[in-house]
Amino acid sequence: MVAVWARISVYPVVLGTGELVPRIDGDSHYHLDRTLDAVAHFPRVRHFDPLMNWPTGAFCPWADGFDLAGAGFALIMAGRDPLRTPIAVALWPVVVGLLSVWATVRPKRICIYV
């Protein structure tokens, strides 16, 4: 329950006005940008990023799965709505985190054979 609370307790700060107010740090901002780009060019994810290794650009050193799955989630939840899509993309890590918590702590069935 603590993990669930930690993921959703800041909801009023992040989405209190109905608009996305992301915490801008390097990694989260980069994945938000990359996933929004994947929504625009679905099912392709940008491999070369002109903003990495400025000014020459660089290839992304990690796999596309997280950003592609986030783009798919956003398209299912918000379509290509310019106001709802960034919110759906920002909620993707929360959904993945909650699913991870559920998968880790869900009660196991106990079978008693007589």
PDB file of N, CA and C in Angstrom:
ATOM      1  N   MET A   1       0.817  -1.203   0.000  1.00  0.00           N
ATOM      2  CA  MET A   1       0.000   0.000   0.000  1.00  0.00           C
ATOM      3  C   MET A   1       0.862   1.269   0.000  1.00  0.00           C
ATOM      4  N   VAL A   2       2.010   1.203   0.644  1.00  0.00           N
ATOM      5  CA  VAL A   2       2.896   2.363   0.663  1.00  0.00           C
ATOM      6  C   VAL A   2       3.367   2.693  -0.748  1.00  0.00           C
ATOM      7  N   ALA A   3       3.680   1.669  -1.535  1.00  0.00           N
ATOM      8  CA  ALA A   3       4.133   1.904  -2.911  1.00  0.00           C
ATOM      9  C   ALA A   3       3.026   2.523  -3.753  1.00  0.00           C
ATOM     10  N   VAL A   4       1.801   2.065  -3.577  1.00  0.00           N
ATOM     11  CA  VAL A   4       0.675   2.650  -4.310  1.00  0.00           C
ATOM     12  C   VAL A   4       0.484   4.097  -3.885  1.00  0.00           C
ATOM     13  N   TRP A   5       0.502   4.353  -2.594  1.00  0.00           N
ATOM     14  CA  TRP A   5       0.345   5.720  -2.098  1.00  0.00           C
ATOM     15  C   TRP A   5       1.439   6.625  -2.652  1.00  0.00           C
ATOM     16  N   ALA A   6       2.680   6.146  -2.681  1.00  0.00           N
ATOM     17  CA  ALA A   6       3.796   6.956  -3.182  1.00  0.00           C
ATOM     18  C   ALA A   6       3.610   7.332  -4.645  1.00  0.00           C
ATOM     19  N   ARG A   7       2.982   6.454  -5.418  1.00  0.00           N
ATOM     20  CA  ARG A   7       2.802   6.733  -6.837  1.00  0.00           C
ATOM     21  C   ARG A   7       1.638   7.678  -7.116  1.00  0.00           C
ATOM     22  N   ILE A   8       0.597   7.651  -6.294  1.00  0.00           N
ATOM     23  CA  ILE A   8      -0.578   8.454  -6.611  1.00  0.00           C
ATOM     24  C   ILE A   8      -0.818   9.622  -5.653  1.00  0.00           C
ATOM     25  N   SER A   9      -0.019   9.771  -4.621  1.00  0.00           N
ATOM     26  CA  SER A   9      -0.271  10.828  -3.634  1.00  0.00           C
ATOM     27  C   SER A   9      -0.011  12.229  -4.179  1.00  0.00           C
ATOM     28  N   VAL A  10       0.811  12.353  -5.190  1.00  0.00           N
ATOM     29  CA  VAL A  10       1.109  13.686  -5.728  1.00  0.00           C
ATOM     30  C   VAL A  10       0.203  14.058  -6.891  1.00  0.00           C
ATOM     31  N   TYR A  11      -0.882  13.302  -7.087  1.00  0.00           N
ATOM     32  CA  TYR A  11      -1.814  13.570  -8.181  1.00  0.00           C
ATOM     33  C   TYR A  11      -2.279  15.032  -8.233  1.00  0.00           C
ATOM     34  N   PRO A  12      -2.686  15.636  -7.105  1.00  0.00           N
ATOM     35  CA  PRO A  12      -3.149  17.029  -7.190  1.00  0.00           C
ATOM     36  C   PRO A  12      -2.058  18.002  -7.651  1.00  0.00           C
ATOM     37  N   VAL A  13      -0.808  17.723  -7.343  1.00  0.00           N
ATOM     38  CA  VAL A  13       0.283  18.601  -7.762  1.00  0.00           C
ATOM     39  C   VAL A  13       0.534  18.468  -9.261  1.00  0.00           C
ATOM     40  N   VAL A  14       0.480  17.235  -9.758  1.00  0.00           N
ATOM     41  CA  VAL A  14       0.823  16.977 -11.154  1.00  0.00           C
ATOM     42  C   VAL A  14      -0.340  17.282 -12.082  1.00  0.00           C
ATOM     43  N   LEU A  15      -1.558  16.905 -11.702  1.00  0.00           N
ATOM     44  CA  LEU A  15      -2.708  17.072 -12.584  1.00  0.00           C
ATOM     45  C   LEU A  15      -3.842  17.871 -11.940  1.00  0.00           C
ATOM     46  N   GLY A  16      -3.545  18.638 -10.922  1.00  0.00           N
ATOM     47  CA  GLY A  16      -4.580  19.361 -10.196  1.00  0.00           C
ATOM     48  C   GLY A  16      -5.349  20.359 -11.025  1.00  0.00           C
ATOM     49  N   THR A  17      -4.721  20.937 -12.032  1.00  0.00           N
ATOM     50  CA  THR A  17      -5.403  21.925 -12.872  1.00  0.00           C
ATOM     51  C   THR A  17      -5.995  21.304 -14.129  1.00  0.00           C
ATOM     52  N   GLY A  18      -5.824  19.993 -14.299  1.00  0.00           N
ATOM     53  CA  GLY A  18      -6.300  19.337 -15.504  1.00  0.00           C
ATOM     54  C   GLY A  18      -5.299  19.392 -16.639  1.00  0.00           C
ATOM     55  N   GLU A  19      -4.157  20.017 -16.387  1.00  0.00           N
ATOM     56  CA  GLU A  19      -3.084  20.079 -17.373  1.00  0.00           C
ATOM     57  C   GLU A  19      -1.871  19.359 -16.811  1.00  0.00           C
ATOM     58  N   LEU A  20      -1.025  18.896 -17.715  1.00  0.00           N
ATOM     59  CA  LEU A  20       0.180  18.201 -17.294  1.00  0.00           C
ATOM     60  C   LEU A  20       1.234  19.199 -16.847  1.00  0.00           C
ATOM     61  N   VAL A  21       1.730  19.021 -15.628  1.00  0.00           N
ATOM     62  CA  VAL A  21       2.823  19.826 -15.110  1.00  0.00           C
ATOM     63  C   VAL A  21       3.925  18.852 -14.721  1.00  0.00           C
ATOM     64  N   PRO A  22       4.750  18.424 -15.696  1.00  0.00           N
ATOM     65  CA  PRO A  22       5.727  17.379 -15.393  1.00  0.00           C
ATOM     66  C   PRO A  22       6.881  17.886 -14.549  1.00  0.00           C
ATOM     67  N   ARG A  23       7.467  16.967 -13.820  1.00  0.00           N
ATOM     68  CA  ARG A  23       8.703  17.264 -13.101  1.00  0.00           C
ATOM     69  C   ARG A  23       9.806  17.202 -14.152  1.00  0.00           C
ATOM     70  N   ILE A  24      10.398  18.314 -14.431  1.00  0.00           N
ATOM     71  CA  ILE A  24      11.377  18.374 -15.506  1.00  0.00           C
ATOM     72  C   ILE A  24      12.753  18.033 -14.957  1.00  0.00           C
ATOM     73  N   ASP A  25      13.169  16.814 -15.229  1.00  0.00           N
ATOM     74  CA  ASP A  25      14.553  16.426 -15.011  1.00  0.00           C
ATOM     75  C   ASP A  25      14.982  15.711 -16.278  1.00  0.00           C
ATOM     76  N   GLY A  26      16.199  15.368 -16.385  1.00  0.00           N
ATOM     77  CA  GLY A  26      16.717  14.840 -17.629  1.00  0.00           C
ATOM     78  C   GLY A  26      15.991  13.616 -18.150  1.00  0.00           C
ATOM     79  N   ASP A  27      15.892  12.567 -17.332  1.00  0.00           N
ATOM     80  CA  ASP A  27      15.357  11.305 -17.808  1.00  0.00           C
ATOM     81  C   ASP A  27      13.855  11.359 -18.066  1.00  0.00           C
ATOM     82  N   SER A  28      13.086  11.862 -17.116  1.00  0.00           N
ATOM     83  CA  SER A  28      11.638  11.874 -17.299  1.00  0.00           C
ATOM     84  C   SER A  28      11.235  12.801 -18.438  1.00  0.00           C
ATOM     85  N   HIS A  29      11.875  13.938 -18.559  1.00  0.00           N
ATOM     86  CA  HIS A  29      11.559  14.845 -19.660  1.00  0.00           C
ATOM     87  C   HIS A  29      11.929  14.217 -21.002  1.00  0.00           C
ATOM     88  N   TYR A  30      13.061  13.533 -21.043  1.00  0.00           N
ATOM     89  CA  TYR A  30      13.492  12.913 -22.290  1.00  0.00           C
ATOM     90  C   TYR A  30      12.516  11.829 -22.734  1.00  0.00           C
ATOM     91  N   HIS A  31      12.068  10.967 -21.787  1.00  0.00           N
ATOM     92  CA  HIS A  31      11.116   9.915 -22.149  1.00  0.00           C
ATOM     93  C   HIS A  31       9.757  10.495 -22.509  1.00  0.00           C
ATOM     94  N   LEU A  32       9.330  11.559 -21.851  1.00  0.00           N
ATOM     95  CA  LEU A  32       8.087  12.229 -22.228  1.00  0.00           C
ATOM     96  C   LEU A  32       8.176  12.724 -23.666  1.00  0.00           C
ATOM     97  N   ASP A  33       9.260  13.379 -23.996  1.00  0.00           N
ATOM     98  CA  ASP A  33       9.453  13.893 -25.356  1.00  0.00           C
ATOM     99  C   ASP A  33       9.541  12.761 -26.371  1.00  0.00           C
ATOM    100  N   ARG A  34      10.300  11.730 -26.051  1.00  0.00           N
ATOM    101  CA  ARG A  34      10.487  10.618 -26.985  1.00  0.00           C
ATOM    102  C   ARG A  34       9.183   9.843 -27.187  1.00  0.00           C
ATOM    103  N   THR A  35       8.394   9.672 -26.138  1.00  0.00           N
ATOM    104  CA  THR A  35       7.129   8.958 -26.256  1.00  0.00           C
ATOM    105  C   THR A  35       6.110   9.781 -27.024  1.00  0.00           C
ATOM    106  N   LEU A  36       6.069  11.091 -26.794  1.00  0.00           N
ATOM    107  CA  LEU A  36       5.169  11.941 -27.579  1.00  0.00           C
ATOM    108  C   LEU A  36       5.548  11.912 -29.057  1.00  0.00           C
ATOM    109  N   ASP A  37       6.836  11.868 -29.350  1.00  0.00           N
ATOM    110  CA  ASP A  37       7.277  11.741 -30.734  1.00  0.00           C
ATOM    111  C   ASP A  37       6.851  10.387 -31.302  1.00  0.00           C
ATOM    112  N   ALA A  38       6.907   9.327 -30.489  1.00  0.00           N
ATOM    113  CA  ALA A  38       6.466   8.006 -30.941  1.00  0.00           C
ATOM    114  C   ALA A  38       4.964   7.980 -31.201  1.00  0.00           C
ATOM    115  N   VAL A  39       4.184   8.728 -30.420  1.00  0.00           N
ATOM    116  CA  VAL A  39       2.742   8.831 -30.680  1.00  0.00           C
ATOM    117  C   VAL A  39       2.514   9.470 -32.045  1.00  0.00           C
ATOM    118  N   ALA A  40       3.263  10.535 -32.324  1.00  0.00           N
ATOM    119  CA  ALA A  40       3.096  11.245 -33.597  1.00  0.00           C
ATOM    120  C   ALA A  40       3.516  10.399 -34.794  1.00  0.00           C
ATOM    121  N   HIS A  41       4.477   9.490 -34.588  1.00  0.00           N
ATOM    122  CA  HIS A  41       5.000   8.682 -35.698  1.00  0.00           C
ATOM    123  C   HIS A  41       4.772   7.186 -35.476  1.00  0.00           C
ATOM    124  N   PHE A  42       3.743   6.853 -34.716  1.00  0.00           N
ATOM    125  CA  PHE A  42       3.482   5.456 -34.348  1.00  0.00           C
ATOM    126  C   PHE A  42       3.418   4.573 -35.586  1.00  0.00           C
ATOM    127  N   PRO A  43       4.041   3.416 -35.580  1.00  0.00           N
ATOM    128  CA  PRO A  43       4.709   2.673 -34.517  1.00  0.00           C
ATOM    129  C   PRO A  43       6.219   2.854 -34.511  1.00  0.00           C
ATOM    130  N   ARG A  44       6.706   3.955 -35.018  1.00  0.00           N
ATOM    131  CA  ARG A  44       8.155   4.173 -35.026  1.00  0.00           C
ATOM    132  C   ARG A  44       8.583   5.021 -33.833  1.00  0.00           C
ATOM    133  N   VAL A  45       9.730   4.665 -33.288  1.00  0.00           N
ATOM    134  CA  VAL A  45      10.336   5.432 -32.205  1.00  0.00           C
ATOM    135  C   VAL A  45      11.636   6.017 -32.747  1.00  0.00           C
ATOM    136  N   ARG A  46      11.882   7.257 -32.423  1.00  0.00           N
ATOM    137  CA  ARG A  46      13.078   7.954 -32.891  1.00  0.00           C
ATOM    138  C   ARG A  46      14.345   7.256 -32.375  1.00  0.00           C
ATOM    139  N   HIS A  47      15.233   6.887 -33.291  1.00  0.00           N
ATOM    140  CA  HIS A  47      16.494   6.250 -32.912  1.00  0.00           C
ATOM    141  C   HIS A  47      17.634   7.258 -32.838  1.00  0.00           C
ATOM    142  N   PHE A  48      17.616   8.227 -33.708  1.00  0.00           N
ATOM    143  CA  PHE A  48      18.641   9.265 -33.701  1.00  0.00           C
ATOM    144  C   PHE A  48      18.030  10.520 -33.097  1.00  0.00           C
ATOM    145  N   ASP A  49      18.696  11.080 -32.103  1.00  0.00           N
ATOM    146  CA  ASP A  49      18.175  12.268 -31.430  1.00  0.00           C
ATOM    147  C   ASP A  49      19.132  13.430 -31.644  1.00  0.00           C
ATOM    148  N   PRO A  50      18.671  14.487 -32.319  1.00  0.00           N
ATOM    149  CA  PRO A  50      19.547  15.626 -32.555  1.00  0.00           C
ATOM    150  C   PRO A  50      19.908  16.403 -31.293  1.00  0.00           C
ATOM    151  N   LEU A  51      19.159  16.212 -30.211  1.00  0.00           N
ATOM    152  CA  LEU A  51      19.445  16.941 -28.970  1.00  0.00           C
ATOM    153  C   LEU A  51      20.459  16.233 -28.076  1.00  0.00           C
ATOM    154  N   MET A  52      20.691  14.951 -28.306  1.00  0.00           N
ATOM    155  CA  MET A  52      21.730  14.252 -27.540  1.00  0.00           C
ATOM    156  C   MET A  52      23.079  14.587 -28.157  1.00  0.00           C
ATOM    157  N   ASN A  53      24.095  14.717 -27.312  1.00  0.00           N
ATOM    158  CA  ASN A  53      25.448  15.027 -27.783  1.00  0.00           C
ATOM    159  C   ASN A  53      25.445  16.302 -28.642  1.00  0.00           C
ATOM    160  N   TRP A  54      24.788  17.306 -28.127  1.00  0.00           N
ATOM    161  CA  TRP A  54      24.647  18.574 -28.836  1.00  0.00           C
ATOM    162  C   TRP A  54      25.991  19.084 -29.289  1.00  0.00           C
ATOM    163  N   PRO A  55      26.182  19.597 -30.447  1.00  0.00           N
ATOM    164  CA  PRO A  55      25.239  19.884 -31.531  1.00  0.00           C
ATOM    165  C   PRO A  55      25.188  18.806 -32.615  1.00  0.00           C
ATOM    166  N   THR A  56      25.943  17.716 -32.466  1.00  0.00           N
ATOM    167  CA  THR A  56      25.990  16.731 -33.550  1.00  0.00           C
ATOM    168  C   THR A  56      24.891  15.682 -33.475  1.00  0.00           C
ATOM    169  N   GLY A  57      24.273  15.490 -32.318  1.00  0.00           N
ATOM    170  CA  GLY A  57      23.261  14.459 -32.167  1.00  0.00           C
ATOM    171  C   GLY A  57      23.896  13.108 -31.889  1.00  0.00           C
ATOM    172  N   ALA A  58      23.065  12.120 -31.547  1.00  0.00           N
ATOM    173  CA  ALA A  58      23.573  10.781 -31.246  1.00  0.00           C
ATOM    174  C   ALA A  58      22.429   9.778 -31.341  1.00  0.00           C
ATOM    175  N   PHE A  59      22.796   8.511 -31.430  1.00  0.00           N
ATOM    176  CA  PHE A  59      21.810   7.442 -31.412  1.00  0.00           C
ATOM    177  C   PHE A  59      21.457   7.118 -29.967  1.00  0.00           C
ATOM    178  N   CYS A  60      20.189   6.814 -29.702  1.00  0.00           N
ATOM    179  CA  CYS A  60      19.732   6.469 -28.357  1.00  0.00           C
ATOM    180  C   CYS A  60      20.337   5.134 -27.948  1.00  0.00           C
ATOM    181  N   PRO A  61      20.916   5.039 -26.774  1.00  0.00           N
ATOM    182  CA  PRO A  61      21.621   3.818 -26.365  1.00  0.00           C
ATOM    183  C   PRO A  61      20.732   2.753 -25.727  1.00  0.00           C
ATOM    184  N   TRP A  62      19.428   2.933 -25.690  1.00  0.00           N
ATOM    185  CA  TRP A  62      18.571   1.945 -25.055  1.00  0.00           C
ATOM    186  C   TRP A  62      17.473   1.499 -26.013  1.00  0.00           C
ATOM    187  N   ALA A  63      16.807   0.418 -25.657  1.00  0.00           N
ATOM    188  CA  ALA A  63      15.759  -0.164 -26.494  1.00  0.00           C
ATOM    189  C   ALA A  63      14.513   0.724 -26.495  1.00  0.00           C
ATOM    190  N   ASP A  64      13.664   0.479 -27.478  1.00  0.00           N
ATOM    191  CA  ASP A  64      12.485   1.323 -27.679  1.00  0.00           C
ATOM    192  C   ASP A  64      11.249   0.865 -26.908  1.00  0.00           C
ATOM    193  N   GLY A  65      11.304  -0.278 -26.252  1.00  0.00           N
ATOM    194  CA  GLY A  65      10.110  -0.897 -25.690  1.00  0.00           C
ATOM    195  C   GLY A  65       9.299  -0.015 -24.764  1.00  0.00           C
ATOM    196  N   PHE A  66       9.946   0.641 -23.811  1.00  0.00           N
ATOM    197  CA  PHE A  66       9.219   1.458 -22.843  1.00  0.00           C
ATOM    198  C   PHE A  66       8.489   2.608 -23.537  1.00  0.00           C
ATOM    199  N   ASP A  67       9.187   3.308 -24.419  1.00  0.00           N
ATOM    200  CA  ASP A  67       8.572   4.458 -25.089  1.00  0.00           C
ATOM    201  C   ASP A  67       7.512   4.023 -26.101  1.00  0.00           C
ATOM    202  N   LEU A  68       7.729   2.916 -26.773  1.00  0.00           N
ATOM    203  CA  LEU A  68       6.740   2.411 -27.725  1.00  0.00           C
ATOM    204  C   LEU A  68       5.489   1.925 -26.997  1.00  0.00           C
ATOM    205  N   ALA A  69       5.669   1.230 -25.874  1.00  0.00           N
ATOM    206  CA  ALA A  69       4.514   0.797 -25.085  1.00  0.00           C
ATOM    207  C   ALA A  69       3.756   1.999 -24.530  1.00  0.00           C
ATOM    208  N   GLY A  70       4.485   3.026 -24.098  1.00  0.00           N
ATOM    209  CA  GLY A  70       3.831   4.248 -23.625  1.00  0.00           C
ATOM    210  C   GLY A  70       3.053   4.936 -24.723  1.00  0.00           C
ATOM    211  N   ALA A  71       3.585   4.939 -25.933  1.00  0.00           N
ATOM    212  CA  ALA A  71       2.873   5.532 -27.065  1.00  0.00           C
ATOM    213  C   ALA A  71       1.608   4.743 -27.371  1.00  0.00           C
ATOM    214  N   GLY A  72       1.702   3.414 -27.331  1.00  0.00           N
ATOM    215  CA  GLY A  72       0.515   2.590 -27.557  1.00  0.00           C
ATOM    216  C   GLY A  72      -0.544   2.830 -26.489  1.00  0.00           C
ATOM    217  N   PHE A  73      -0.110   2.915 -25.235  1.00  0.00           N
ATOM    218  CA  PHE A  73      -1.029   3.210 -24.128  1.00  0.00           C
ATOM    219  C   PHE A  73      -1.711   4.559 -24.337  1.00  0.00           C
ATOM    220  N   ALA A  74      -0.934   5.566 -24.728  1.00  0.00           N
ATOM    221  CA  ALA A  74      -1.492   6.903 -24.934  1.00  0.00           C
ATOM    222  C   ALA A  74      -2.490   6.910 -26.092  1.00  0.00           C
ATOM    223  N   LEU A  75      -2.190   6.196 -27.159  1.00  0.00           N
ATOM    224  CA  LEU A  75      -3.113   6.149 -28.292  1.00  0.00           C
ATOM    225  C   LEU A  75      -4.415   5.452 -27.919  1.00  0.00           C
ATOM    226  N   ILE A  76      -4.322   4.403 -27.096  1.00  0.00           N
ATOM    227  CA  ILE A  76      -5.532   3.709 -26.659  1.00  0.00           C
ATOM    228  C   ILE A  76      -6.351   4.604 -25.730  1.00  0.00           C
ATOM    229  N   MET A  77      -5.691   5.288 -24.802  1.00  0.00           N
ATOM    230  CA  MET A  77      -6.392   6.066 -23.790  1.00  0.00           C
ATOM    231  C   MET A  77      -6.850   7.441 -24.280  1.00  0.00           C
ATOM    232  N   ALA A  78      -6.070   8.067 -25.163  1.00  0.00           N
ATOM    233  CA  ALA A  78      -6.372   9.461 -25.530  1.00  0.00           C
ATOM    234  C   ALA A  78      -6.425   9.706 -27.027  1.00  0.00           C
ATOM    235  N   GLY A  79      -6.110   8.713 -27.821  1.00  0.00           N
ATOM    236  CA  GLY A  79      -6.050   8.954 -29.261  1.00  0.00           C
ATOM    237  C   GLY A  79      -4.926   9.936 -29.564  1.00  0.00           C
ATOM    238  N   ARG A  80      -5.194  10.853 -30.441  1.00  0.00           N
ATOM    239  CA  ARG A  80      -4.193  11.876 -30.774  1.00  0.00           C
ATOM    240  C   ARG A  80      -4.639  13.262 -30.293  1.00  0.00           C
ATOM    241  N   ASP A  81      -5.466  13.275 -29.266  1.00  0.00           N
ATOM    242  CA  ASP A  81      -5.938  14.535 -28.685  1.00  0.00           C
ATOM    243  C   ASP A  81      -4.749  15.296 -28.104  1.00  0.00           C
ATOM    244  N   PRO A  82      -4.492  16.520 -28.570  1.00  0.00           N
ATOM    245  CA  PRO A  82      -3.298  17.245 -28.115  1.00  0.00           C
ATOM    246  C   PRO A  82      -3.306  17.612 -26.634  1.00  0.00           C
ATOM    247  N   LEU A  83      -4.461  17.622 -25.997  1.00  0.00           N
ATOM    248  CA  LEU A  83      -4.513  17.931 -24.567  1.00  0.00           C
ATOM    249  C   LEU A  83      -4.426  16.678 -23.706  1.00  0.00           C
ATOM    250  N   ARG A  84      -5.046  15.584 -24.146  1.00  0.00           N
ATOM    251  CA  ARG A  84      -5.086  14.369 -23.331  1.00  0.00           C
ATOM    252  C   ARG A  84      -3.880  13.464 -23.538  1.00  0.00           C
ATOM    253  N   THR A  85      -3.266  13.508 -24.711  1.00  0.00           N
ATOM    254  CA  THR A  85      -2.145  12.611 -24.992  1.00  0.00           C
ATOM    255  C   THR A  85      -0.970  12.819 -24.047  1.00  0.00           C
ATOM    256  N   PRO A  86      -0.518  14.047 -23.782  1.00  0.00           N
ATOM    257  CA  PRO A  86       0.601  14.202 -22.835  1.00  0.00           C
ATOM    258  C   PRO A  86       0.271  13.687 -21.437  1.00  0.00           C
ATOM    259  N   ILE A  87      -0.974  13.805 -21.022  1.00  0.00           N
ATOM    260  CA  ILE A  87      -1.372  13.301 -19.709  1.00  0.00           C
ATOM    261  C   ILE A  87      -1.311  11.777 -19.700  1.00  0.00           C
ATOM    262  N   ALA A  88      -1.798  11.145 -20.766  1.00  0.00           N
ATOM    263  CA  ALA A  88      -1.738   9.682 -20.848  1.00  0.00           C
ATOM    264  C   ALA A  88      -0.297   9.198 -20.867  1.00  0.00           C
ATOM    265  N   VAL A  89       0.564   9.903 -21.590  1.00  0.00           N
ATOM    266  CA  VAL A  89       1.981   9.525 -21.630  1.00  0.00           C
ATOM    267  C   VAL A  89       2.608   9.664 -20.248  1.00  0.00           C
ATOM    268  N   ALA A  90       2.272  10.729 -19.540  1.00  0.00           N
ATOM    269  CA  ALA A  90       2.834  10.940 -18.205  1.00  0.00           C
ATOM    270  C   ALA A  90       2.304   9.922 -17.202  1.00  0.00           C
ATOM    271  N   LEU A  91       1.109   9.395 -17.414  1.00  0.00           N
ATOM    272  CA  LEU A  91       0.562   8.397 -16.501  1.00  0.00           C
ATOM    273  C   LEU A  91       1.099   6.997 -16.779  1.00  0.00           C
ATOM    274  N   TRP A  92       1.710   6.777 -17.929  1.00  0.00           N
ATOM    275  CA  TRP A  92       2.239   5.454 -18.274  1.00  0.00           C
ATOM    276  C   TRP A  92       3.211   4.900 -17.227  1.00  0.00           C
ATOM    277  N   PRO A  93       4.224   5.667 -16.771  1.00  0.00           N
ATOM    278  CA  PRO A  93       5.117   5.108 -15.733  1.00  0.00           C
ATOM    279  C   PRO A  93       4.386   4.789 -14.432  1.00  0.00           C
ATOM    280  N   VAL A  94       3.338   5.544 -14.120  1.00  0.00           N
ATOM    281  CA  VAL A  94       2.562   5.267 -12.912  1.00  0.00           C
ATOM    282  C   VAL A  94       1.837   3.939 -13.064  1.00  0.00           C
ATOM    283  N   VAL A  95       1.228   3.721 -14.232  1.00  0.00           N
ATOM    284  CA  VAL A  95       0.525   2.461 -14.490  1.00  0.00           C
ATOM    285  C   VAL A  95       1.494   1.283 -14.426  1.00  0.00           C
ATOM    286  N   VAL A  96       2.658   1.430 -15.056  1.00  0.00           N
ATOM    287  CA  VAL A  96       3.663   0.355 -15.018  1.00  0.00           C
ATOM    288  C   VAL A  96       4.101   0.101 -13.572  1.00  0.00           C
ATOM    289  N   GLY A  97       4.297   1.151 -12.803  1.00  0.00           N
ATOM    290  CA  GLY A  97       4.686   0.996 -11.403  1.00  0.00           C
ATOM    291  C   GLY A  97       3.619   0.295 -10.581  1.00  0.00           C
ATOM    292  N   LEU A  98       2.355   0.676 -10.776  1.00  0.00           N
ATOM    293  CA  LEU A  98       1.267   0.033 -10.037  1.00  0.00           C
ATOM    294  C   LEU A  98       1.118  -1.434 -10.427  1.00  0.00           C
ATOM    295  N   LEU A  99       1.266  -1.734 -11.711  1.00  0.00           N
ATOM    296  CA  LEU A  99       1.210  -3.128 -12.151  1.00  0.00           C
ATOM    297  C   LEU A  99       2.374  -3.936 -11.573  1.00  0.00           C
ATOM    298  N   SER A 100       3.527  -3.310 -11.470  1.00  0.00           N
ATOM    299  CA  SER A 100       4.684  -3.989 -10.872  1.00  0.00           C
ATOM    300  C   SER A 100       4.444  -4.281  -9.400  1.00  0.00           C
ATOM    301  N   VAL A 101       3.875  -3.311  -8.699  1.00  0.00           N
ATOM    302  CA  VAL A 101       3.555  -3.529  -7.285  1.00  0.00           C
ATOM    303  C   VAL A 101       2.529  -4.648  -7.149  1.00  0.00           C
ATOM    304  N   TRP A 102       1.493  -4.614  -7.973  1.00  0.00           N
ATOM    305  CA  TRP A 102       0.460  -5.655  -7.912  1.00  0.00           C
ATOM    306  C   TRP A 102       1.045  -7.032  -8.183  1.00  0.00           C
ATOM    307  N   ALA A 103       1.890  -7.127  -9.211  1.00  0.00           N
ATOM    308  CA  ALA A 103       2.475  -8.422  -9.568  1.00  0.00           C
ATOM    309  C   ALA A 103       3.420  -8.933  -8.483  1.00  0.00           C
ATOM    310  N   THR A 104       4.014  -8.024  -7.751  1.00  0.00           N
ATOM    311  CA  THR A 104       4.978  -8.423  -6.726  1.00  0.00           C
ATOM    312  C   THR A 104       4.303  -8.849  -5.428  1.00  0.00           C
ATOM    313  N   VAL A 105       3.243  -8.168  -5.044  1.00  0.00           N
ATOM    314  CA  VAL A 105       2.662  -8.419  -3.725  1.00  0.00           C
ATOM    315  C   VAL A 105       1.279  -9.051  -3.772  1.00  0.00           C
ATOM    316  N   ARG A 106       0.793  -9.413  -4.931  1.00  0.00           N
ATOM    317  CA  ARG A 106      -0.546 -10.011  -4.982  1.00  0.00           C
ATOM    318  C   ARG A 106      -0.566 -11.308  -4.182  1.00  0.00           C
ATOM    319  N   PRO A 107      -1.675 -11.600  -3.558  1.00  0.00           N
ATOM    320  CA  PRO A 107      -1.749 -12.823  -2.749  1.00  0.00           C
ATOM    321  C   PRO A 107      -1.595 -14.065  -3.628  1.00  0.00           C
ATOM    322  N   LYS A 108      -0.881 -15.002  -3.133  1.00  0.00           N
ATOM    323  CA  LYS A 108      -0.704 -16.269  -3.836  1.00  0.00           C
ATOM    324  C   LYS A 108      -1.793 -17.247  -3.382  1.00  0.00           C
ATOM    325  N   ARG A 109      -2.248 -18.048  -4.315  1.00  0.00           N
ATOM    326  CA  ARG A 109      -3.225 -19.069  -3.938  1.00  0.00           C
ATOM    327  C   ARG A 109      -2.502 -20.178  -3.176  1.00  0.00           C
ATOM    328  N   ILE A 110      -3.130 -20.574  -2.136  1.00  0.00           N
ATOM    329  CA  ILE A 110      -2.584 -21.681  -1.347  1.00  0.00           C
ATOM    330  C   ILE A 110      -3.473 -22.901  -1.594  1.00  0.00           C
ATOM    331  N   CYS A 111      -2.889 -23.903  -2.155  1.00  0.00           N
ATOM    332  CA  CYS A 111      -3.624 -25.132  -2.439  1.00  0.00           C
ATOM    333  C   CYS A 111      -3.298 -26.165  -1.368  1.00  0.00           C
ATOM    334  N   ILE A 112      -4.318 -26.714  -0.787  1.00  0.00           N
ATOM    335  CA  ILE A 112      -4.132 -27.761   0.204  1.00  0.00           C
ATOM    336  C   ILE A 112      -4.723 -29.025  -0.390  1.00  0.00           C
ATOM    337  N   TYR A 113      -3.863 -29.991  -0.582  1.00  0.00           N
ATOM    338  CA  TYR A 113      -4.307 -31.271  -1.124  1.00  0.00           C
ATOM    339  C   TYR A 113      -4.501 -32.244   0.016  1.00  0.00           C
ATOM    340  N   VAL A 114      -5.652 -32.852   0.056  1.00  0.00           N
ATOM    341  CA  VAL A 114      -5.951 -33.827   1.118  1.00  0.00           C
ATOM    342  C   VAL A 114      -5.996 -35.210   0.520  1.00  0.00           C
TER     343      VAL A 114
END
